[in-house]
């Protein structure tokens, strides 16, 4: 079975570059230093005009935890409906309850709203109190896949749990390792876990093209971009 490489991108130029470098799918995000939040309408609309591969926008109204108020959940639902209206192939989201269990009721609502779009339950899963129980709950919601680093900051460090999740899940749901996935570990991660989809940001910072910088502002003006060489290397290793 052909392996899939999903690349998280945080701006339109990265989306274009990652696609050209061979990414199979994009996760569309903004605000990388908050872990990724819902893209703006302008970003979403532009991507539909420029990108031909499947794109899954993240639906996350803010950084921080994954415990949402009723108002925040309404916002999430509206954003899922918008992505459906714009013709996206999938969305990425996740909600927990205060006790660390999956918010089953709301996740079911989100999956239903996604309709024909695939629904990826994102790394809120890595904050769940019992990963095996959380896996079964997410499967029951009808979600398509789980993005996880094995409840560690780096997926390679969490490979034992990821392997267990892949084995338990069988063909009921896709387990996709993500976080810290790079060309120096993706092949070993694939071999150890038997996962078939992988998520990476391949993120780098590039210098601003501004010729003038106001020194008194004392600010960092580097831009977030993708390492296209790294994407190509990962694709080659997954063959």
C-alpha atoms as a PDB file:
ATOM      1  CA  UNK A   1       0.000   0.000   0.000  1.00  0.00           C
ATOM      2  CA  UNK A   2       1.283   3.438  -0.940  1.00  0.00           C
ATOM      3  CA  UNK A   3       2.273   5.601   2.018  1.00  0.00           C
ATOM      4  CA  UNK A   4       0.820   9.090   2.416  1.00  0.00           C
ATOM      5  CA  UNK A   5       2.786  12.165   3.480  1.00  0.00           C
ATOM      6  CA  UNK A   6       0.731  15.026   4.907  1.00  0.00           C
ATOM      7  CA  UNK A   7       2.463  18.377   5.350  1.00  0.00           C
ATOM      8  CA  UNK A   8       1.226  21.077   7.731  1.00  0.00           C
ATOM      9  CA  UNK A   9       1.480  24.525   6.158  1.00  0.00           C
ATOM     10  CA  UNK A  10       0.914  27.923   7.720  1.00  0.00           C
ATOM     11  CA  UNK A  11       0.684  30.274   4.737  1.00  0.00           C
ATOM     12  CA  UNK A  12      -0.188  30.198   1.056  1.00  0.00           C
ATOM     13  CA  UNK A  13       3.409  30.233  -0.208  1.00  0.00           C
ATOM     14  CA  UNK A  14       4.218  27.173   1.917  1.00  0.00           C
ATOM     15  CA  UNK A  15       1.119  25.419   0.581  1.00  0.00           C
ATOM     16  CA  UNK A  16       2.232  25.990  -2.998  1.00  0.00           C
ATOM     17  CA  UNK A  17       5.824  24.935  -2.274  1.00  0.00           C
ATOM     18  CA  UNK A  18       4.847  21.787  -0.359  1.00  0.00           C
ATOM     19  CA  UNK A  19       2.534  20.720  -3.173  1.00  0.00           C
ATOM     20  CA  UNK A  20       5.268  21.219  -5.766  1.00  0.00           C
ATOM     21  CA  UNK A  21       7.707  19.224  -3.587  1.00  0.00           C
ATOM     22  CA  UNK A  22       5.439  16.175  -3.672  1.00  0.00           C
ATOM     23  CA  UNK A  23       3.230  16.325  -0.566  1.00  0.00           C
ATOM     24  CA  UNK A  24       0.239  14.003  -0.862  1.00  0.00           C
ATOM     25  CA  UNK A  25      -2.022  16.116   1.342  1.00  0.00           C
ATOM     26  CA  UNK A  26      -1.885  19.400   3.242  1.00  0.00           C
ATOM     27  CA  UNK A  27      -3.074  20.304   6.705  1.00  0.00           C
ATOM     28  CA  UNK A  28      -3.908  23.990   6.536  1.00  0.00           C
ATOM     29  CA  UNK A  29      -3.166  26.046   9.660  1.00  0.00           C
ATOM     30  CA  UNK A  30      -2.351  29.511  10.918  1.00  0.00           C
ATOM     31  CA  UNK A  31      -0.400  30.607  14.024  1.00  0.00           C
ATOM     32  CA  UNK A  32       2.356  27.966  14.197  1.00  0.00           C
ATOM     33  CA  UNK A  33       3.552  29.115  17.610  1.00  0.00           C
ATOM     34  CA  UNK A  34       0.135  28.337  19.084  1.00  0.00           C
ATOM     35  CA  UNK A  35       0.187  24.852  17.608  1.00  0.00           C
ATOM     36  CA  UNK A  36      -2.018  25.803  14.656  1.00  0.00           C
ATOM     37  CA  UNK A  37      -5.406  27.525  14.541  1.00  0.00           C
ATOM     38  CA  UNK A  38      -8.232  27.793  12.012  1.00  0.00           C
ATOM     39  CA  UNK A  39      -7.173  29.461   8.727  1.00  0.00           C
ATOM     40  CA  UNK A  40      -8.851  32.689   7.669  1.00  0.00           C
ATOM     41  CA  UNK A  41     -11.516  32.733   4.973  1.00  0.00           C
ATOM     42  CA  UNK A  42      -9.074  34.431   2.610  1.00  0.00           C
ATOM     43  CA  UNK A  43      -6.476  31.714   3.155  1.00  0.00           C
ATOM     44  CA  UNK A  44      -9.082  28.979   2.649  1.00  0.00           C
ATOM     45  CA  UNK A  45     -10.485  30.567  -0.507  1.00  0.00           C
ATOM     46  CA  UNK A  46      -7.050  31.172  -2.036  1.00  0.00           C
ATOM     47  CA  UNK A  47      -6.040  27.559  -1.448  1.00  0.00           C
ATOM     48  CA  UNK A  48      -9.115  26.297  -3.301  1.00  0.00           C
ATOM     49  CA  UNK A  49      -7.927  28.289  -6.337  1.00  0.00           C
ATOM     50  CA  UNK A  50      -4.254  27.299  -6.253  1.00  0.00           C
ATOM     51  CA  UNK A  51      -3.921  23.808  -4.761  1.00  0.00           C
ATOM     52  CA  UNK A  52      -5.052  20.618  -6.497  1.00  0.00           C
ATOM     53  CA  UNK A  53      -4.082  17.954  -3.891  1.00  0.00           C
ATOM     54  CA  UNK A  54      -6.385  17.189  -0.917  1.00  0.00           C
ATOM     55  CA  UNK A  55      -6.335  19.890   1.759  1.00  0.00           C
ATOM     56  CA  UNK A  56      -7.601  19.454   5.328  1.00  0.00           C
ATOM     57  CA  UNK A  57      -7.976  22.733   7.255  1.00  0.00           C
ATOM     58  CA  UNK A  58      -7.499  22.553  11.011  1.00  0.00           C
ATOM     59  CA  UNK A  59     -10.557  23.714  12.947  1.00  0.00           C
ATOM     60  CA  UNK A  60      -9.207  25.087  16.205  1.00  0.00           C
ATOM     61  CA  UNK A  61     -10.494  28.456  17.416  1.00  0.00           C
ATOM     62  CA  UNK A  62      -7.507  29.231  19.665  1.00  0.00           C
ATOM     63  CA  UNK A  63      -4.305  27.862  21.119  1.00  0.00           C
ATOM     64  CA  UNK A  64      -4.134  26.348  24.585  1.00  0.00           C
ATOM     65  CA  UNK A  65      -6.235  23.434  25.774  1.00  0.00           C
ATOM     66  CA  UNK A  66      -8.979  21.535  23.970  1.00  0.00           C
ATOM     67  CA  UNK A  67     -11.815  22.236  26.395  1.00  0.00           C
ATOM     68  CA  UNK A  68     -14.240  24.548  24.621  1.00  0.00           C
ATOM     69  CA  UNK A  69     -17.147  26.722  25.701  1.00  0.00           C
ATOM     70  CA  UNK A  70     -20.522  26.575  23.965  1.00  0.00           C
ATOM     71  CA  UNK A  71     -19.677  29.735  22.017  1.00  0.00           C
ATOM     72  CA  UNK A  72     -16.334  28.291  20.894  1.00  0.00           C
ATOM     73  CA  UNK A  73     -18.047  25.085  19.813  1.00  0.00           C
ATOM     74  CA  UNK A  74     -20.525  27.064  17.704  1.00  0.00           C
ATOM     75  CA  UNK A  75     -17.551  28.758  16.067  1.00  0.00           C
ATOM     76  CA  UNK A  76     -16.009  25.337  15.341  1.00  0.00           C
ATOM     77  CA  UNK A  77     -19.253  24.109  13.788  1.00  0.00           C
ATOM     78  CA  UNK A  78     -19.579  27.167  11.545  1.00  0.00           C
ATOM     79  CA  UNK A  79     -15.988  26.702  10.357  1.00  0.00           C
ATOM     80  CA  UNK A  80     -16.612  23.029   9.521  1.00  0.00           C
ATOM     81  CA  UNK A  81     -19.694  24.023   7.526  1.00  0.00           C
ATOM     82  CA  UNK A  82     -17.663  26.682   5.704  1.00  0.00           C
ATOM     83  CA  UNK A  83     -14.969  24.160   4.739  1.00  0.00           C
ATOM     84  CA  UNK A  84     -17.663  21.848   3.416  1.00  0.00           C
ATOM     85  CA  UNK A  85     -19.199  24.668   1.386  1.00  0.00           C
ATOM     86  CA  UNK A  86     -15.769  25.519  -0.072  1.00  0.00           C
ATOM     87  CA  UNK A  87     -15.259  21.934  -1.206  1.00  0.00           C
ATOM     88  CA  UNK A  88     -12.419  20.762   1.034  1.00  0.00           C
ATOM     89  CA  UNK A  89     -11.775  17.029   1.254  1.00  0.00           C
ATOM     90  CA  UNK A  90     -11.435  16.921   5.030  1.00  0.00           C
ATOM     91  CA  UNK A  91     -11.040  18.813   8.295  1.00  0.00           C
ATOM     92  CA  UNK A  92      -8.891  18.324  11.383  1.00  0.00           C
ATOM     93  CA  UNK A  93     -10.206  18.964  14.887  1.00  0.00           C
ATOM     94  CA  UNK A  94     -10.611  17.516  18.367  1.00  0.00           C
ATOM     95  CA  UNK A  95     -12.334  18.176  21.679  1.00  0.00           C
ATOM     96  CA  UNK A  96     -11.757  16.861  25.202  1.00  0.00           C
ATOM     97  CA  UNK A  97     -13.793  16.958  28.388  1.00  0.00           C
ATOM     98  CA  UNK A  98     -12.317  18.415  31.574  1.00  0.00           C
ATOM     99  CA  UNK A  99     -11.532  14.935  32.922  1.00  0.00           C
ATOM    100  CA  UNK A 100      -9.251  14.162  29.966  1.00  0.00           C
ATOM    101  CA  UNK A 101     -11.676  11.913  28.081  1.00  0.00           C
ATOM    102  CA  UNK A 102     -12.794  12.470  24.497  1.00  0.00           C
ATOM    103  CA  UNK A 103     -15.869  14.714  24.181  1.00  0.00           C
ATOM    104  CA  UNK A 104     -17.856  11.999  22.429  1.00  0.00           C
ATOM    105  CA  UNK A 105     -21.096  13.939  21.961  1.00  0.00           C
ATOM    106  CA  UNK A 106     -19.499  17.013  20.385  1.00  0.00           C
ATOM    107  CA  UNK A 107     -17.086  14.973  18.283  1.00  0.00           C
ATOM    108  CA  UNK A 108     -20.037  13.041  16.864  1.00  0.00           C
ATOM    109  CA  UNK A 109     -21.664  16.361  15.982  1.00  0.00           C
ATOM    110  CA  UNK A 110     -18.501  17.524  14.213  1.00  0.00           C
ATOM    111  CA  UNK A 111     -18.155  14.296  12.234  1.00  0.00           C
ATOM    112  CA  UNK A 112     -21.803  14.581  11.186  1.00  0.00           C
ATOM    113  CA  UNK A 113     -21.296  18.205  10.118  1.00  0.00           C
ATOM    114  CA  UNK A 114     -18.232  17.191   8.101  1.00  0.00           C
ATOM    115  CA  UNK A 115     -20.614  15.088   6.012  1.00  0.00           C
ATOM    116  CA  UNK A 116     -18.610  13.705   3.052  1.00  0.00           C
ATOM    117  CA  UNK A 117     -15.375  15.316   4.260  1.00  0.00           C
ATOM    118  CA  UNK A 118     -12.907  13.102   6.108  1.00  0.00           C
ATOM    119  CA  UNK A 119     -12.520  13.959   9.783  1.00  0.00           C
ATOM    120  CA  UNK A 120      -9.118  13.710  11.440  1.00  0.00           C
ATOM    121  CA  UNK A 121      -9.087  13.798  15.248  1.00  0.00           C
ATOM    122  CA  UNK A 122      -5.925  15.791  15.940  1.00  0.00           C
ATOM    123  CA  UNK A 123      -3.372  15.792  18.741  1.00  0.00           C
ATOM    124  CA  UNK A 124      -5.937  16.637  21.387  1.00  0.00           C
ATOM    125  CA  UNK A 125      -5.757  12.836  21.478  1.00  0.00           C
ATOM    126  CA  UNK A 126      -2.266  13.125  22.991  1.00  0.00           C
ATOM    127  CA  UNK A 127      -3.760  14.886  26.024  1.00  0.00           C
ATOM    128  CA  UNK A 128      -6.338  12.148  26.678  1.00  0.00           C
ATOM    129  CA  UNK A 129      -6.169  10.304  30.002  1.00  0.00           C
ATOM    130  CA  UNK A 130      -6.369   6.783  28.570  1.00  0.00           C
ATOM    131  CA  UNK A 131      -5.154   6.424  24.968  1.00  0.00           C
ATOM    132  CA  UNK A 132      -6.596   2.955  24.400  1.00  0.00           C
ATOM    133  CA  UNK A 133     -10.019   4.019  25.667  1.00  0.00           C
ATOM    134  CA  UNK A 134      -9.726   7.285  23.716  1.00  0.00           C
ATOM    135  CA  UNK A 135      -8.990   5.302  20.553  1.00  0.00           C
ATOM    136  CA  UNK A 136     -12.192   3.290  20.930  1.00  0.00           C
ATOM    137  CA  UNK A 137     -14.213   6.440  21.608  1.00  0.00           C
ATOM    138  CA  UNK A 138     -12.875   8.222  18.517  1.00  0.00           C
ATOM    139  CA  UNK A 139     -13.576   5.141  16.398  1.00  0.00           C
ATOM    140  CA  UNK A 140     -17.182   5.165  17.643  1.00  0.00           C
ATOM    141  CA  UNK A 141     -17.617   8.773  16.472  1.00  0.00           C
ATOM    142  CA  UNK A 142     -16.973   7.745  12.863  1.00  0.00           C
ATOM    143  CA  UNK A 143     -13.781   9.783  12.475  1.00  0.00           C
ATOM    144  CA  UNK A 144     -11.444   8.808   9.628  1.00  0.00           C
ATOM    145  CA  UNK A 145      -8.077   9.018  11.394  1.00  0.00           C
ATOM    146  CA  UNK A 146      -6.186  10.051  14.496  1.00  0.00           C
ATOM    147  CA  UNK A 147      -3.104  12.271  14.379  1.00  0.00           C
ATOM    148  CA  UNK A 148      -0.857  11.373  17.306  1.00  0.00           C
ATOM    149  CA  UNK A 149       2.696  11.599  18.577  1.00  0.00           C
ATOM    150  CA  UNK A 150       2.108   8.718  20.987  1.00  0.00           C
ATOM    151  CA  UNK A 151       1.445  11.097  23.892  1.00  0.00           C
ATOM    152  CA  UNK A 152       5.006  12.447  23.813  1.00  0.00           C
ATOM    153  CA  UNK A 153       6.273  15.694  22.247  1.00  0.00           C
ATOM    154  CA  UNK A 154       8.031  13.723  19.487  1.00  0.00           C
ATOM    155  CA  UNK A 155       6.404  10.880  17.540  1.00  0.00           C
ATOM    156  CA  UNK A 156       9.590   8.825  17.407  1.00  0.00           C
ATOM    157  CA  UNK A 157       9.763   8.850  21.203  1.00  0.00           C
ATOM    158  CA  UNK A 158       6.126   7.754  21.286  1.00  0.00           C
ATOM    159  CA  UNK A 159       6.561   4.994  18.722  1.00  0.00           C
ATOM    160  CA  UNK A 160       5.729   2.160  21.163  1.00  0.00           C
ATOM    161  CA  UNK A 161       2.285   3.580  21.892  1.00  0.00           C
ATOM    162  CA  UNK A 162       1.750   4.411  18.220  1.00  0.00           C
ATOM    163  CA  UNK A 163       2.573   0.813  17.329  1.00  0.00           C
ATOM    164  CA  UNK A 164       0.010  -0.392  19.881  1.00  0.00           C
ATOM    165  CA  UNK A 165      -2.637   1.970  18.531  1.00  0.00           C
ATOM    166  CA  UNK A 166      -2.023   0.849  14.941  1.00  0.00           C
ATOM    167  CA  UNK A 167      -2.374  -2.792  15.998  1.00  0.00           C
ATOM    168  CA  UNK A 168      -5.520  -2.225  18.068  1.00  0.00           C
ATOM    169  CA  UNK A 169      -7.131  -0.013  15.431  1.00  0.00           C
ATOM    170  CA  UNK A 170      -6.665  -2.514  12.610  1.00  0.00           C
ATOM    171  CA  UNK A 171      -8.634  -1.265   9.622  1.00  0.00           C
ATOM    172  CA  UNK A 172     -11.211   0.563  11.750  1.00  0.00           C
ATOM    173  CA  UNK A 173      -9.404   3.925  11.689  1.00  0.00           C
ATOM    174  CA  UNK A 174      -6.115   5.327  10.362  1.00  0.00           C
ATOM    175  CA  UNK A 175      -3.397   6.100  12.918  1.00  0.00           C
ATOM    176  CA  UNK A 176      -1.134   8.850  11.573  1.00  0.00           C
ATOM    177  CA  UNK A 177       2.118   9.632  13.450  1.00  0.00           C
ATOM    178  CA  UNK A 178       3.027  13.314  13.574  1.00  0.00           C
ATOM    179  CA  UNK A 179       5.316  15.753  15.435  1.00  0.00           C
ATOM    180  CA  UNK A 180       9.042  15.678  14.868  1.00  0.00           C
ATOM    181  CA  UNK A 181       8.673  13.440  11.814  1.00  0.00           C
ATOM    182  CA  UNK A 182      11.607  14.074   9.476  1.00  0.00           C
ATOM    183  CA  UNK A 183      13.718  12.287   6.887  1.00  0.00           C
ATOM    184  CA  UNK A 184      16.110  11.071   9.592  1.00  0.00           C
ATOM    185  CA  UNK A 185      13.412   9.020  11.334  1.00  0.00           C
ATOM    186  CA  UNK A 186      10.425   8.492   9.016  1.00  0.00           C
ATOM    187  CA  UNK A 187      11.615   5.179   7.575  1.00  0.00           C
ATOM    188  CA  UNK A 188      12.375   3.725  11.023  1.00  0.00           C
ATOM    189  CA  UNK A 189       9.039   5.049  12.306  1.00  0.00           C
ATOM    190  CA  UNK A 190       7.198   3.373   9.438  1.00  0.00           C
ATOM    191  CA  UNK A 191       8.988   0.071  10.005  1.00  0.00           C
ATOM    192  CA  UNK A 192       8.434   0.070  13.778  1.00  0.00           C
ATOM    193  CA  UNK A 193       4.816   1.234  13.885  1.00  0.00           C
ATOM    194  CA  UNK A 194       3.479  -0.211  10.606  1.00  0.00           C
ATOM    195  CA  UNK A 195       1.693   3.117  10.094  1.00  0.00           C
ATOM    196  CA  UNK A 196       0.987   4.089   6.513  1.00  0.00           C
ATOM    197  CA  UNK A 197       0.248   7.821   6.804  1.00  0.00           C
ATOM    198  CA  UNK A 198       2.677  10.373   8.227  1.00  0.00           C
ATOM    199  CA  UNK A 199       2.380  14.021   9.212  1.00  0.00           C
ATOM    200  CA  UNK A 200       5.198  16.573   9.201  1.00  0.00           C
ATOM    201  CA  UNK A 201       5.484  20.345   9.122  1.00  0.00           C
ATOM    202  CA  UNK A 202       9.017  20.239   7.654  1.00  0.00           C
ATOM    203  CA  UNK A 203       9.045  23.772   9.021  1.00  0.00           C
ATOM    204  CA  UNK A 204      11.862  26.240   8.649  1.00  0.00           C
ATOM    205  CA  UNK A 205      12.176  29.990   9.133  1.00  0.00           C
ATOM    206  CA  UNK A 206      13.246  32.186   6.243  1.00  0.00           C
ATOM    207  CA  UNK A 207      14.569  35.727   6.447  1.00  0.00           C
ATOM    208  CA  UNK A 208      12.253  38.605   5.660  1.00  0.00           C
ATOM    209  CA  UNK A 209      12.677  40.193   2.233  1.00  0.00           C
ATOM    210  CA  UNK A 210      12.148  43.641   3.719  1.00  0.00           C
ATOM    211  CA  UNK A 211      15.062  45.949   2.895  1.00  0.00           C
ATOM    212  CA  UNK A 212      14.302  48.251   5.796  1.00  0.00           C
ATOM    213  CA  UNK A 213      13.919  47.078   9.404  1.00  0.00           C
ATOM    214  CA  UNK A 214      12.988  49.431  12.227  1.00  0.00           C
ATOM    215  CA  UNK A 215      15.640  48.478  14.775  1.00  0.00           C
ATOM    216  CA  UNK A 216      13.881  50.250  17.645  1.00  0.00           C
ATOM    217  CA  UNK A 217      10.996  47.743  17.394  1.00  0.00           C
ATOM    218  CA  UNK A 218      13.322  44.892  18.419  1.00  0.00           C
ATOM    219  CA  UNK A 219      11.167  42.284  16.675  1.00  0.00           C
ATOM    220  CA  UNK A 220      11.760  39.042  14.822  1.00  0.00           C
ATOM    221  CA  UNK A 221      10.574  39.278  11.209  1.00  0.00           C
ATOM    222  CA  UNK A 222      11.473  35.829   9.883  1.00  0.00           C
ATOM    223  CA  UNK A 223       8.753  33.996   7.952  1.00  0.00           C
ATOM    224  CA  UNK A 224       7.528  30.435   8.444  1.00  0.00           C
ATOM    225  CA  UNK A 225       8.110  28.266   5.385  1.00  0.00           C
ATOM    226  CA  UNK A 226       8.584  24.602   4.431  1.00  0.00           C
ATOM    227  CA  UNK A 227      11.809  22.760   3.690  1.00  0.00           C
ATOM    228  CA  UNK A 228      11.103  21.395   0.214  1.00  0.00           C
ATOM    229  CA  UNK A 229      14.303  19.335   0.220  1.00  0.00           C
ATOM    230  CA  UNK A 230      13.104  17.634   3.397  1.00  0.00           C
ATOM    231  CA  UNK A 231       9.680  16.916   1.894  1.00  0.00           C
ATOM    232  CA  UNK A 232      11.255  15.332  -1.180  1.00  0.00           C
ATOM    233  CA  UNK A 233      13.563  13.242   1.005  1.00  0.00           C
ATOM    234  CA  UNK A 234      10.671  11.956   3.123  1.00  0.00           C
ATOM    235  CA  UNK A 235       8.665  11.092   0.026  1.00  0.00           C
ATOM    236  CA  UNK A 236      11.594   9.119  -1.373  1.00  0.00           C
ATOM    237  CA  UNK A 237      12.062   7.214   1.887  1.00  0.00           C
ATOM    238  CA  UNK A 238       8.390   6.243   1.961  1.00  0.00           C
ATOM    239  CA  UNK A 239       8.519   4.615  -1.460  1.00  0.00           C
END
